[in-house]
């Protein structure tokens, strides 16, 4: 802390006739450095983890927006926005993602305290592991969903087949009853019946 305060003081005294704004900034920075020096190292590391976590959450939110844009690109678009504009938005999001990833890599490699070690390497390995686990979980979930849909389709098809058979049987029975009724009420049957019974 002493070195940092000494460096700040040297920089401030190099200024010729500092403005009130510069003096205010200097005083605020001195207070901030003193506050940081008073914090427990674990608290400081936790603050770094929280900051990195917030940054990664923002990266993830942007990545989800990009994935949604790509998924929507495979559907028929009926909106007012031109396809070229949608392409530009996807390029913009992709560029932001690349810049954010480069920034977080730079923070983890160059701006984290040495106590944290090789944060980027460990982060990258863990990230890849979690992505792989999530892909496996998604594939498992999709298999379950497809199985449920397949069973539902099969049950519906079986019900349709059963309804078709029941309808066909009812039609044949109804047709036979109709034929029997017509034969019974026809003049030919009456005449034949009188001849048979006498």
Protein backbone atom coordinates (compact mmCIF):
# COMPACT_ATOMS: atom_id res chain seq x y z
CA UNK A 1 0.00 0.00 0.00
CA UNK A 2 2.83 2.39 0.83
CA UNK A 3 4.27 2.04 -2.67
CA UNK A 4 0.92 2.75 -4.28
CA UNK A 5 0.31 5.84 -2.12
CA UNK A 6 3.86 7.01 -2.77
CA UNK A 7 3.33 6.59 -6.52
CA UNK A 8 0.02 8.50 -6.36
CA UNK A 9 1.67 11.30 -4.40
CA UNK A 10 4.53 11.56 -6.89
CA UNK A 11 2.12 11.71 -9.82
CA UNK A 12 0.01 14.34 -8.10
CA UNK A 13 3.02 16.53 -7.24
CA UNK A 14 4.25 16.36 -10.84
CA UNK A 15 1.16 18.33 -11.82
CA UNK A 16 1.77 22.04 -12.12
CA UNK A 17 -1.00 23.92 -10.38
CA UNK A 18 -3.57 21.05 -10.15
CA UNK A 19 -7.19 21.99 -10.66
CA UNK A 20 -9.79 21.43 -7.92
CA UNK A 21 -11.14 18.50 -9.96
CA UNK A 22 -7.69 16.85 -10.08
CA UNK A 23 -7.28 17.41 -6.34
CA UNK A 24 -10.66 15.84 -5.70
CA UNK A 25 -9.76 12.83 -7.88
CA UNK A 26 -6.44 12.46 -6.09
CA UNK A 27 -8.10 12.54 -2.67
CA UNK A 28 -10.74 10.01 -3.74
CA UNK A 29 -8.07 7.68 -5.11
CA UNK A 30 -6.03 7.95 -1.90
CA UNK A 31 -9.13 7.08 0.14
CA UNK A 32 -9.93 4.18 -2.16
CA UNK A 33 -6.38 2.80 -1.88
CA UNK A 34 -6.48 3.15 1.91
CA UNK A 35 -9.84 1.38 2.03
CA UNK A 36 -8.54 -1.44 -0.15
CA UNK A 37 -5.47 -1.75 2.06
CA UNK A 38 -7.66 -2.10 5.16
CA UNK A 39 -9.80 -4.88 3.69
CA UNK A 40 -8.97 -8.46 4.47
CA UNK A 41 -7.22 -10.23 1.55
CA UNK A 42 -10.00 -12.82 1.35
CA UNK A 43 -12.57 -10.03 1.05
CA UNK A 44 -10.53 -8.45 -1.73
CA UNK A 45 -10.33 -11.79 -3.54
CA UNK A 46 -14.06 -12.31 -3.08
CA UNK A 47 -14.67 -8.88 -4.61
CA UNK A 48 -12.53 -9.89 -7.58
CA UNK A 49 -14.47 -13.16 -7.96
CA UNK A 50 -17.77 -11.26 -7.74
CA UNK A 51 -16.64 -8.76 -10.35
CA UNK A 52 -15.47 -11.52 -12.70
CA UNK A 53 -18.70 -13.44 -12.04
CA UNK A 54 -20.82 -10.41 -12.93
CA UNK A 55 -18.80 -9.90 -16.10
CA UNK A 56 -19.19 -13.58 -17.07
CA UNK A 57 -22.94 -13.42 -16.37
CA UNK A 58 -23.18 -10.49 -18.77
CA UNK A 59 -21.18 -12.47 -21.34
CA UNK A 60 -23.56 -15.41 -20.89
CA UNK A 61 -26.62 -13.16 -21.32
CA UNK A 62 -25.18 -11.84 -24.56
CA UNK A 63 -24.30 -15.37 -25.73
CA UNK A 64 -27.91 -16.46 -25.11
CA UNK A 65 -29.13 -13.51 -27.19
CA UNK A 66 -26.78 -14.61 -29.98
CA UNK A 67 -28.01 -18.22 -29.80
CA UNK A 68 -31.60 -16.98 -29.89
CA UNK A 69 -30.83 -14.87 -32.97
CA UNK A 70 -29.28 -17.92 -34.67
CA UNK A 71 -32.26 -20.11 -33.74
CA UNK A 72 -34.69 -17.48 -35.06
CA UNK A 73 -32.72 -17.31 -38.31
CA UNK A 74 -33.83 -20.87 -39.09
CA UNK A 75 -37.49 -19.89 -38.82
CA UNK A 76 -39.52 -17.98 -41.38
CA UNK A 77 -39.21 -14.28 -40.56
CA UNK A 78 -42.35 -12.18 -41.00
CA UNK A 79 -41.24 -8.96 -39.28
CA UNK A 80 -40.50 -5.50 -40.63
CA UNK A 81 -36.74 -5.62 -40.15
CA UNK A 82 -34.65 -6.45 -43.21
CA UNK A 83 -32.59 -9.62 -43.33
CA UNK A 84 -29.43 -7.58 -43.81
CA UNK A 85 -30.15 -5.66 -40.60
CA UNK A 86 -30.64 -8.93 -38.74
CA UNK A 87 -27.30 -10.10 -40.11
CA UNK A 88 -25.68 -6.90 -38.88
CA UNK A 89 -27.16 -7.42 -35.42
CA UNK A 90 -25.75 -10.96 -35.30
CA UNK A 91 -22.33 -9.66 -36.36
CA UNK A 92 -22.57 -6.94 -33.69
CA UNK A 93 -23.42 -9.44 -30.97
CA UNK A 94 -20.66 -11.80 -32.12
CA UNK A 95 -18.14 -8.93 -32.08
CA UNK A 96 -19.24 -7.92 -28.57
CA UNK A 97 -18.89 -11.52 -27.41
CA UNK A 98 -15.38 -11.76 -28.82
CA UNK A 99 -14.39 -8.42 -27.25
CA UNK A 100 -15.85 -9.39 -23.87
CA UNK A 101 -14.08 -12.74 -23.93
CA UNK A 102 -10.78 -11.06 -24.78
CA UNK A 103 -11.36 -8.53 -21.98
CA UNK A 104 -12.15 -11.20 -19.41
CA UNK A 105 -9.11 -13.21 -20.52
CA UNK A 106 -6.96 -10.11 -20.14
CA UNK A 107 -8.40 -9.43 -16.69
CA UNK A 108 -7.83 -13.00 -15.56
CA UNK A 109 -4.33 -13.22 -16.97
CA UNK A 110 -2.88 -9.77 -16.32
CA UNK A 111 -5.03 -7.98 -13.75
CA UNK A 112 -5.71 -10.60 -11.10
CA UNK A 113 -3.44 -10.88 -8.09
CA UNK A 114 -0.72 -13.52 -8.24
CA UNK A 115 -2.38 -15.27 -5.28
CA UNK A 116 -5.10 -16.49 -7.65
CA UNK A 117 -2.60 -18.27 -9.87
CA UNK A 118 -3.49 -19.28 -13.41
CA UNK A 119 -7.13 -18.23 -13.19
CA UNK A 120 -7.73 -18.14 -16.93
CA UNK A 121 -6.45 -21.67 -17.53
CA UNK A 122 -8.50 -23.08 -14.67
CA UNK A 123 -11.53 -21.06 -15.73
CA UNK A 124 -11.27 -22.22 -19.33
CA UNK A 125 -11.00 -25.89 -18.31
CA UNK A 126 -13.94 -25.61 -15.91
CA UNK A 127 -15.99 -23.71 -18.46
CA UNK A 128 -15.39 -26.38 -21.10
CA UNK A 129 -16.28 -29.08 -18.58
CA UNK A 130 -19.54 -27.35 -17.62
CA UNK A 131 -20.43 -26.72 -21.28
CA UNK A 132 -19.86 -30.42 -22.01
CA UNK A 133 -21.96 -31.43 -18.99
CA UNK A 134 -24.73 -29.06 -20.08
CA UNK A 135 -24.62 -30.42 -23.64
CA UNK A 136 -24.96 -33.95 -22.27
CA UNK A 137 -27.84 -32.85 -20.01
CA UNK A 138 -29.52 -31.10 -22.95
CA UNK A 139 -29.12 -34.21 -25.13
CA UNK A 140 -30.58 -36.35 -22.33
CA UNK A 141 -33.48 -33.92 -21.90
CA UNK A 142 -34.11 -33.90 -25.65
CA UNK A 143 -34.09 -37.74 -25.71
CA UNK A 144 -36.65 -37.79 -22.89
CA UNK A 145 -38.80 -35.21 -24.66
CA UNK A 146 -38.59 -37.11 -27.94
CA UNK A 147 -39.52 -40.35 -26.15
CA UNK A 148 -42.56 -38.68 -24.58
CA UNK A 149 -43.58 -37.19 -27.94
CA UNK A 150 -43.06 -40.54 -29.67
CA UNK A 151 -45.21 -42.34 -27.07
CA UNK A 152 -47.89 -39.67 -27.35
CA UNK A 153 -47.89 -39.94 -31.15
CA UNK A 154 -48.04 -43.74 -30.93
CA UNK A 155 -50.97 -43.58 -28.48
CA UNK A 156 -52.80 -41.13 -30.75
CA UNK A 157 -52.17 -43.34 -33.78
CA UNK A 158 -53.41 -46.39 -31.87
CA UNK A 159 -56.56 -44.49 -30.86
CA UNK A 160 -57.10 -43.41 -34.47
CA UNK A 161 -56.65 -47.00 -35.66
CA UNK A 162 -59.07 -48.28 -33.00
CA UNK A 163 -61.59 -45.58 -33.89
CA UNK A 164 -61.24 -46.52 -37.58
CA UNK A 165 -61.88 -50.19 -36.80
CA UNK A 166 -64.83 -49.41 -34.56
CA UNK A 167 -66.23 -47.10 -37.23
CA UNK A 168 -65.76 -49.76 -39.92
CA UNK A 169 -67.43 -52.45 -37.80
CA UNK A 170 -70.33 -50.12 -36.95
CA UNK A 171 -70.69 -49.23 -40.62
CA UNK A 172 -70.76 -52.90 -41.68
CA UNK A 173 -73.22 -53.83 -38.91
CA UNK A 174 -75.40 -50.85 -39.77
CA UNK A 175 -75.25 -51.70 -43.45
CA UNK A 176 -76.21 -55.33 -42.74
CA UNK A 177 -79.11 -54.24 -40.55
CA UNK A 178 -80.22 -51.89 -43.28
CA UNK A 179 -80.06 -54.63 -45.89
CA UNK A 180 -81.95 -57.03 -43.61
CA UNK A 181 -84.57 -54.33 -42.96
CA UNK A 182 -84.93 -53.60 -46.66
CA UNK A 183 -85.23 -57.28 -47.49
CA UNK A 184 -87.76 -57.76 -44.72
CA UNK A 185 -89.90 -54.87 -45.88
CA UNK A 186 -89.61 -55.59 -49.58
CA UNK A 187 -92.46 -57.12 -51.57
CA UNK A 188 -90.29 -59.98 -52.73
CA UNK A 189 -89.63 -61.16 -49.20
CA UNK A 190 -93.29 -60.90 -48.24
CA UNK A 191 -94.25 -62.93 -51.22
CA UNK A 192 -91.53 -65.47 -50.58
CA UNK A 193 -92.40 -65.63 -46.92
CA UNK A 194 -96.08 -66.35 -47.66
CA UNK A 195 -95.12 -69.09 -50.07
CA UNK A 196 -92.64 -70.66 -47.60
CA UNK A 197 -95.06 -70.71 -44.71
CA UNK A 198 -98.00 -72.25 -46.51
